[in-house]
Amino acid sequence: MKIAIDPFMFRDLPMAEMVRTVADMGYSHIELSPRAEFMPFFLHPRADDARVAELRSVLRETGVELSSILPLYKWSSPDETERRDAVRYWKRMIEVAVELGVTLMNSEFNGRPERAAESEGAFWRSMEELLPVFEREGIALNLEAHPDDFCEENDPAVDLVRAINRPWVNYLYCAPHTFHLSGSEPGADIRRMMEYAGDKLRHVHIADSFDHKGSSGLRYILNPPGTPARIHQHMDIGQGEVDWDVFFQTLRDLDFDGVATVCVFGWEERARASSEFMLDRVTKELVT
């Protein structure tokens, strides 16, 4: 099993300094997420040969490896121009992954929940174009349901991953999305959701969050009333309401041997302390 960090809280550091900081904190793996100068959100990758070479060099220097790359593109957009652009961006980012020696990428379903059928159709068109590219290049793909995607809940997302019907396309369970993944399910049964994914569960994102429903049915006050906003934050373990005893015990019971990515985003003023705390806790739960 690989314990990685999503270094988003360190995105303002130059790439080489970010990698050295991660190594100094004790991490041996990075899940590379969007960075403005390398792989921006929803835009064509900026990485050229020089930037790829720089990243390769500092990875060799530090001994840190890229466990995975996480691009975010609008590959399920009902707007066909956006979808085609996203496929183009994906193809370039796959090239970069190959140049970096990375064999795993992960992403979100994207699309729009209020146009779910159209978004799913767009997703399948993108899959028809991209699956042969992933397969040719030997890159596996892990997919997660994300709040405000066309597929937001655990079971439908697992079913959709299974429908792709490729052994190298698998599921990512994102712990801070637990209370969105459960939909209307009372109690957000983490064990049941992870067991439903079963052998497709190859990746987890680890951070805490609050149950947006709460015992009163209204954990947050949002204006205007009835807004469809999906609100959550990625916090340190123990600062929210995810049941971590169940989460980690279920992973142990499933003999989980994939990638476990620390993805705390909410504490940039204490990014290093947060990241070190999370590494220590995850290591104690899953390795030692």
Protein backbone atom coordinates (compact mmCIF):
# COMPACT_ATOMS: atom_id res chain seq x y z
CA MET A 1 0.00 0.00 0.00
CA LYS A 2 1.14 3.53 -0.78
CA ILE A 3 0.47 6.49 1.52
CA ALA A 4 0.55 9.65 -0.59
CA ILE A 5 -0.17 13.33 -0.11
CA ASP A 6 -2.13 15.65 -2.33
CA PRO A 7 0.13 18.72 -2.04
CA PHE A 8 -2.57 21.26 -2.90
CA MET A 9 -1.87 23.28 0.28
CA PHE A 10 1.73 23.65 -0.96
CA ARG A 11 0.80 24.70 -4.49
CA ASP A 12 2.32 28.18 -4.09
CA LEU A 13 5.78 26.66 -3.57
CA PRO A 14 7.87 26.13 -6.70
CA MET A 15 7.57 22.53 -7.85
CA ALA A 16 11.04 21.48 -6.68
CA GLU A 17 10.56 23.10 -3.26
CA MET A 18 7.16 21.44 -2.90
CA VAL A 19 8.65 17.99 -3.55
CA ARG A 20 11.52 18.61 -1.11
CA THR A 21 9.03 19.80 1.54
CA VAL A 22 6.94 16.66 1.09
CA ALA A 23 10.05 14.50 1.41
CA ASP A 24 11.17 16.39 4.51
CA MET A 25 7.80 15.68 6.16
CA GLY A 26 8.34 11.96 5.63
CA TYR A 27 6.08 11.22 2.65
CA SER A 28 7.42 8.88 -0.01
CA HIS A 29 4.57 9.39 -2.51
CA ILE A 30 2.75 12.36 -4.05
CA GLU A 31 -0.61 12.41 -5.78
CA LEU A 32 -0.04 15.30 -8.17
CA SER A 33 -3.13 17.51 -8.26
CA PRO A 34 -3.81 20.67 -10.29
CA ARG A 35 -1.15 23.39 -10.25
CA ALA A 36 -1.46 26.56 -12.31
CA GLU A 37 1.94 26.28 -14.00
CA PHE A 38 1.81 22.54 -14.68
CA MET A 39 -1.73 21.13 -14.80
CA PRO A 40 -4.38 23.82 -14.17
CA PHE A 41 -8.01 23.12 -13.40
CA PHE A 42 -10.11 22.55 -16.55
CA LEU A 43 -7.49 23.95 -18.96
CA HIS A 44 -4.85 22.49 -21.26
CA PRO A 45 -1.74 21.28 -19.36
CA ARG A 46 1.06 23.85 -19.15
CA ALA A 47 3.80 21.26 -18.56
CA ASP A 48 6.47 21.40 -21.26
CA ASP A 49 9.60 19.28 -21.62
CA ALA A 50 11.59 21.52 -19.28
CA ARG A 51 9.03 21.38 -16.47
CA VAL A 52 8.61 17.63 -16.83
CA ALA A 53 12.40 17.21 -16.70
CA GLU A 54 12.59 19.43 -13.60
CA LEU A 55 9.99 17.32 -11.82
CA ARG A 56 11.71 14.07 -12.81
CA SER A 57 15.00 15.44 -11.49
CA VAL A 58 13.73 16.48 -8.07
CA LEU A 59 11.86 13.19 -7.67
CA ARG A 60 15.13 11.33 -8.30
CA GLU A 61 16.98 13.66 -5.92
CA THR A 62 14.52 13.14 -3.05
CA GLY A 63 13.47 9.55 -3.67
CA VAL A 64 9.81 10.62 -3.69
CA GLU A 65 7.58 8.90 -6.26
CA LEU A 66 4.37 9.98 -7.93
CA SER A 67 1.72 7.49 -6.87
CA SER A 68 -0.80 9.05 -9.23
CA ILE A 69 -1.82 12.14 -11.17
CA LEU A 70 -5.21 13.77 -10.64
CA PRO A 71 -6.38 15.90 -13.59
CA LEU A 72 -9.75 17.65 -13.53
CA TYR A 73 -11.35 18.27 -16.92
CA LYS A 74 -14.91 18.65 -18.17
CA TRP A 75 -14.98 15.31 -19.97
CA SER A 76 -18.65 14.77 -19.09
CA SER A 77 -19.86 18.22 -20.08
CA PRO A 78 -23.19 18.30 -21.96
CA ASP A 79 -21.56 21.06 -24.02
CA GLU A 80 -19.84 19.13 -26.82
CA THR A 81 -17.15 21.77 -27.36
CA GLU A 82 -16.17 21.59 -23.68
CA ARG A 83 -16.17 17.81 -23.83
CA ARG A 84 -13.94 17.66 -26.92
CA ASP A 85 -11.54 20.16 -25.36
CA ALA A 86 -11.40 18.06 -22.20
CA VAL A 87 -10.52 14.92 -24.17
CA ARG A 88 -7.70 16.86 -25.85
CA TYR A 89 -6.40 17.98 -22.44
CA TRP A 90 -6.62 14.40 -21.13
CA LYS A 91 -4.57 13.09 -24.04
CA ARG A 92 -1.80 15.59 -23.36
CA MET A 93 -1.82 14.83 -19.63
CA ILE A 94 -1.56 11.12 -20.36
CA GLU A 95 1.55 11.92 -22.43
CA VAL A 96 2.99 13.78 -19.44
CA ALA A 97 2.19 10.84 -17.14
CA VAL A 98 4.07 8.51 -19.47
CA GLU A 99 7.05 10.88 -19.52
CA LEU A 100 7.04 10.87 -15.71
CA GLY A 101 6.74 7.09 -15.49
CA VAL A 102 3.35 7.28 -13.75
CA THR A 103 1.01 4.32 -14.25
CA LEU A 104 -2.07 5.55 -12.36
CA MET A 105 -4.35 8.54 -12.91
CA ASN A 106 -7.54 9.38 -11.05
CA SER A 107 -10.29 11.89 -11.51
CA GLU A 108 -13.95 12.81 -10.96
CA PHE A 109 -16.97 12.07 -13.13
CA ASN A 110 -17.67 15.80 -13.63
CA GLY A 111 -20.80 16.78 -15.63
CA ARG A 112 -23.93 18.36 -14.17
CA PRO A 113 -26.35 16.69 -11.73
CA GLU A 114 -29.32 18.60 -13.14
CA ARG A 115 -28.43 17.22 -16.60
CA ALA A 116 -27.36 13.78 -15.45
CA ALA A 117 -28.49 11.76 -18.48
CA GLU A 118 -26.84 14.14 -20.96
CA SER A 119 -23.68 14.22 -18.84
CA GLU A 120 -23.49 10.44 -18.68
CA GLY A 121 -23.83 10.29 -22.44
CA ALA A 122 -20.94 12.75 -22.75
CA PHE A 123 -18.91 10.66 -20.29
CA TRP A 124 -19.34 7.53 -22.40
CA ARG A 125 -18.32 9.39 -25.57
CA SER A 126 -15.16 10.51 -23.80
CA MET A 127 -14.53 6.96 -22.57
CA GLU A 128 -14.78 5.63 -26.12
CA GLU A 129 -11.99 8.00 -27.13
CA LEU A 130 -9.79 7.72 -24.05
CA LEU A 131 -9.96 4.10 -22.92
CA PRO A 132 -7.82 2.92 -25.87
CA VAL A 133 -5.24 5.59 -25.01
CA PHE A 134 -5.07 4.57 -21.34
CA GLU A 135 -4.79 0.92 -22.34
CA ARG A 136 -2.11 1.53 -24.96
CA GLU A 137 0.01 3.52 -22.51
CA GLY A 138 -0.46 1.07 -19.62
CA ILE A 139 -2.09 3.62 -17.31
CA ALA A 140 -4.78 2.58 -14.82
CA LEU A 141 -7.68 4.90 -13.93
CA ASN A 142 -9.47 5.36 -10.59
CA LEU A 143 -12.74 7.32 -10.53
CA GLU A 144 -14.55 9.00 -7.65
CA ALA A 145 -18.04 10.32 -7.18
CA HIS A 146 -17.84 14.01 -6.29
CA PRO A 147 -20.43 16.45 -4.94
CA ASP A 148 -22.03 18.33 -7.84
CA ASP A 149 -21.00 15.72 -10.45
CA PHE A 150 -23.61 13.95 -12.55
CA CYS A 151 -22.90 10.88 -10.39
CA GLU A 152 -22.61 11.92 -6.75
CA GLU A 153 -23.41 8.83 -4.70
CA ASN A 154 -21.38 5.74 -3.83
CA ASP A 155 -23.44 2.86 -5.21
CA PRO A 156 -24.32 4.41 -8.59
CA ALA A 157 -20.67 5.43 -8.98
CA VAL A 158 -19.43 1.91 -8.26
CA ASP A 159 -22.00 0.54 -10.72
CA LEU A 160 -20.80 2.99 -13.36
CA VAL A 161 -17.17 2.00 -12.81
CA ARG A 162 -18.13 -1.66 -13.15
CA ALA A 163 -20.03 -0.86 -16.36
CA ILE A 164 -16.78 0.38 -17.93
CA ASN A 165 -15.76 -3.27 -17.64
CA ARG A 166 -11.99 -2.86 -17.58
CA PRO A 167 -9.92 -4.47 -14.81
CA TRP A 168 -7.69 -1.40 -14.70
CA VAL A 169 -10.57 1.07 -14.17
CA ASN A 170 -11.47 1.12 -10.47
CA TYR A 171 -13.13 3.11 -7.69
CA LEU A 172 -11.86 5.79 -5.33
CA TYR A 173 -13.69 6.30 -2.02
CA CYS A 174 -13.28 9.88 -0.80
CA ALA A 175 -13.78 9.96 2.98
CA PRO A 176 -14.52 13.72 3.24
CA HIS A 177 -17.38 13.17 0.79
CA THR A 178 -18.90 10.43 2.96
CA PHE A 179 -22.05 12.37 3.79
CA HIS A 180 -22.65 13.21 0.12
CA LEU A 181 -21.82 9.68 -1.04
CA SER A 182 -24.49 8.24 1.23
CA GLY A 183 -27.29 10.31 -0.33
CA SER A 184 -30.38 9.95 1.83
CA GLU A 185 -28.95 6.90 3.62
CA PRO A 186 -29.28 7.47 7.37
CA GLY A 187 -26.04 7.30 9.30
CA ALA A 188 -23.71 7.28 6.29
CA ASP A 189 -22.78 3.59 6.57
CA ILE A 190 -19.11 3.68 5.57
CA ARG A 191 -18.63 -0.07 5.91
CA ARG A 192 -21.58 -0.86 3.69
CA MET A 193 -20.47 1.62 1.00
CA MET A 194 -16.88 0.42 0.94
CA GLU A 195 -17.93 -3.23 0.93
CA TYR A 196 -20.27 -2.44 -1.97
CA ALA A 197 -17.21 -1.29 -3.93
CA GLY A 198 -15.47 -4.53 -2.94
CA ASP A 199 -12.66 -5.52 -5.27
CA LYS A 200 -13.07 -2.27 -7.20
CA LEU A 201 -11.93 -0.22 -4.18
CA ARG A 202 -8.33 0.62 -5.08
CA HIS A 203 -7.90 4.17 -3.81
CA VAL A 204 -9.03 6.24 -0.81
CA HIS A 205 -8.80 9.95 -0.07
CA ILE A 206 -8.36 10.69 3.61
CA ALA A 207 -9.60 13.84 5.34
CA ASP A 208 -12.40 14.61 7.79
CA SER A 209 -15.61 16.54 7.19
CA PHE A 210 -18.87 17.46 8.87
CA ASP A 211 -22.15 15.72 8.21
CA HIS A 212 -23.91 18.47 6.27
CA LYS A 213 -27.28 17.01 7.25
CA GLY A 214 -26.57 16.70 10.96
CA SER A 215 -28.85 15.40 13.65
CA SER A 216 -31.18 18.37 13.27
CA GLY A 217 -31.26 18.05 9.49
CA LEU A 218 -29.54 21.42 9.10
CA ARG A 219 -25.82 21.35 9.90
CA TYR A 220 -25.15 24.48 7.83
CA ILE A 221 -27.21 27.56 7.10
CA LEU A 222 -27.02 28.39 3.40
CA ASN A 223 -28.45 31.40 1.65
CA PRO A 224 -30.63 31.65 -0.26
CA PRO A 225 -32.71 28.85 1.28
CA GLY A 226 -32.91 25.83 -0.97
CA THR A 227 -29.61 26.51 -2.73
CA PRO A 228 -28.25 23.36 -4.41
CA ALA A 229 -24.69 24.16 -3.27
CA ARG A 230 -22.69 21.14 -2.08
CA ILE A 231 -20.72 22.32 0.94
CA HIS A 232 -17.90 20.47 2.66
CA GLN A 233 -14.26 20.90 3.68
CA HIS A 234 -11.29 18.54 3.90
CA MET A 235 -10.00 18.70 7.50
CA ASP A 236 -7.65 16.79 9.79
CA ILE A 237 -8.87 13.49 11.18
CA GLY A 238 -10.82 14.21 14.35
CA GLN A 239 -12.03 17.67 13.33
CA GLY A 240 -15.20 16.42 11.65
CA GLU A 241 -17.70 13.59 11.91
CA VAL A 242 -16.39 10.77 9.72
CA ASP A 243 -16.35 7.52 11.71
CA TRP A 244 -12.63 6.77 11.48
CA ASP A 245 -12.74 3.61 13.55
CA VAL A 246 -15.12 2.07 11.00
CA PHE A 247 -13.25 3.54 8.03
CA PHE A 248 -9.85 2.12 8.95
CA GLN A 249 -11.20 -1.19 10.26
CA THR A 250 -13.08 -1.73 7.01
CA LEU A 251 -9.92 -1.11 5.00
CA ARG A 252 -8.07 -3.61 7.15
CA ASP A 253 -10.88 -6.14 6.80
CA LEU A 254 -10.83 -5.71 3.02
CA ASP A 255 -7.03 -6.17 2.95
CA PHE A 256 -6.82 -2.83 1.16
CA ASP A 257 -3.57 -2.58 -0.78
CA GLY A 258 -4.09 0.45 -3.01
CA VAL A 259 -3.28 4.15 -2.65
CA ALA A 260 -4.28 6.10 0.46
CA THR A 261 -3.98 9.82 -0.24
CA VAL A 262 -3.97 12.45 2.50
CA CYS A 263 -6.01 15.33 1.09
CA VAL A 264 -6.51 18.00 3.74
CA PHE A 265 -7.19 21.39 2.15
CA GLY A 266 -8.69 23.54 4.89
CA TRP A 267 -5.66 24.53 6.95
CA GLU A 268 -3.13 26.32 4.76
CA GLU A 269 -1.89 28.38 7.72
CA ARG A 270 -0.74 25.11 9.34
CA ALA A 271 -0.21 22.99 6.24
CA ARG A 272 2.98 21.33 7.45
CA ALA A 273 1.69 20.43 10.92
CA SER A 274 -1.53 19.11 9.42
CA SER A 275 0.31 17.00 6.84
CA GLU A 276 2.69 15.53 9.41
CA PHE A 277 -0.17 14.70 11.78
CA MET A 278 -2.11 12.98 9.01
CA LEU A 279 0.88 10.90 7.88
CA ASP A 280 1.49 9.71 11.43
CA ARG A 281 -2.16 8.76 11.96
CA VAL A 282 -2.65 6.97 8.63
CA THR A 283 0.64 5.07 9.06
CA LYS A 284 -0.39 3.89 12.52
CA GLU A 285 -3.79 2.76 11.23
CA LEU A 286 -2.78 1.05 8.00
CA VAL A 287 0.89 0.13 8.22
CA THR A 288 2.09 -0.34 11.80
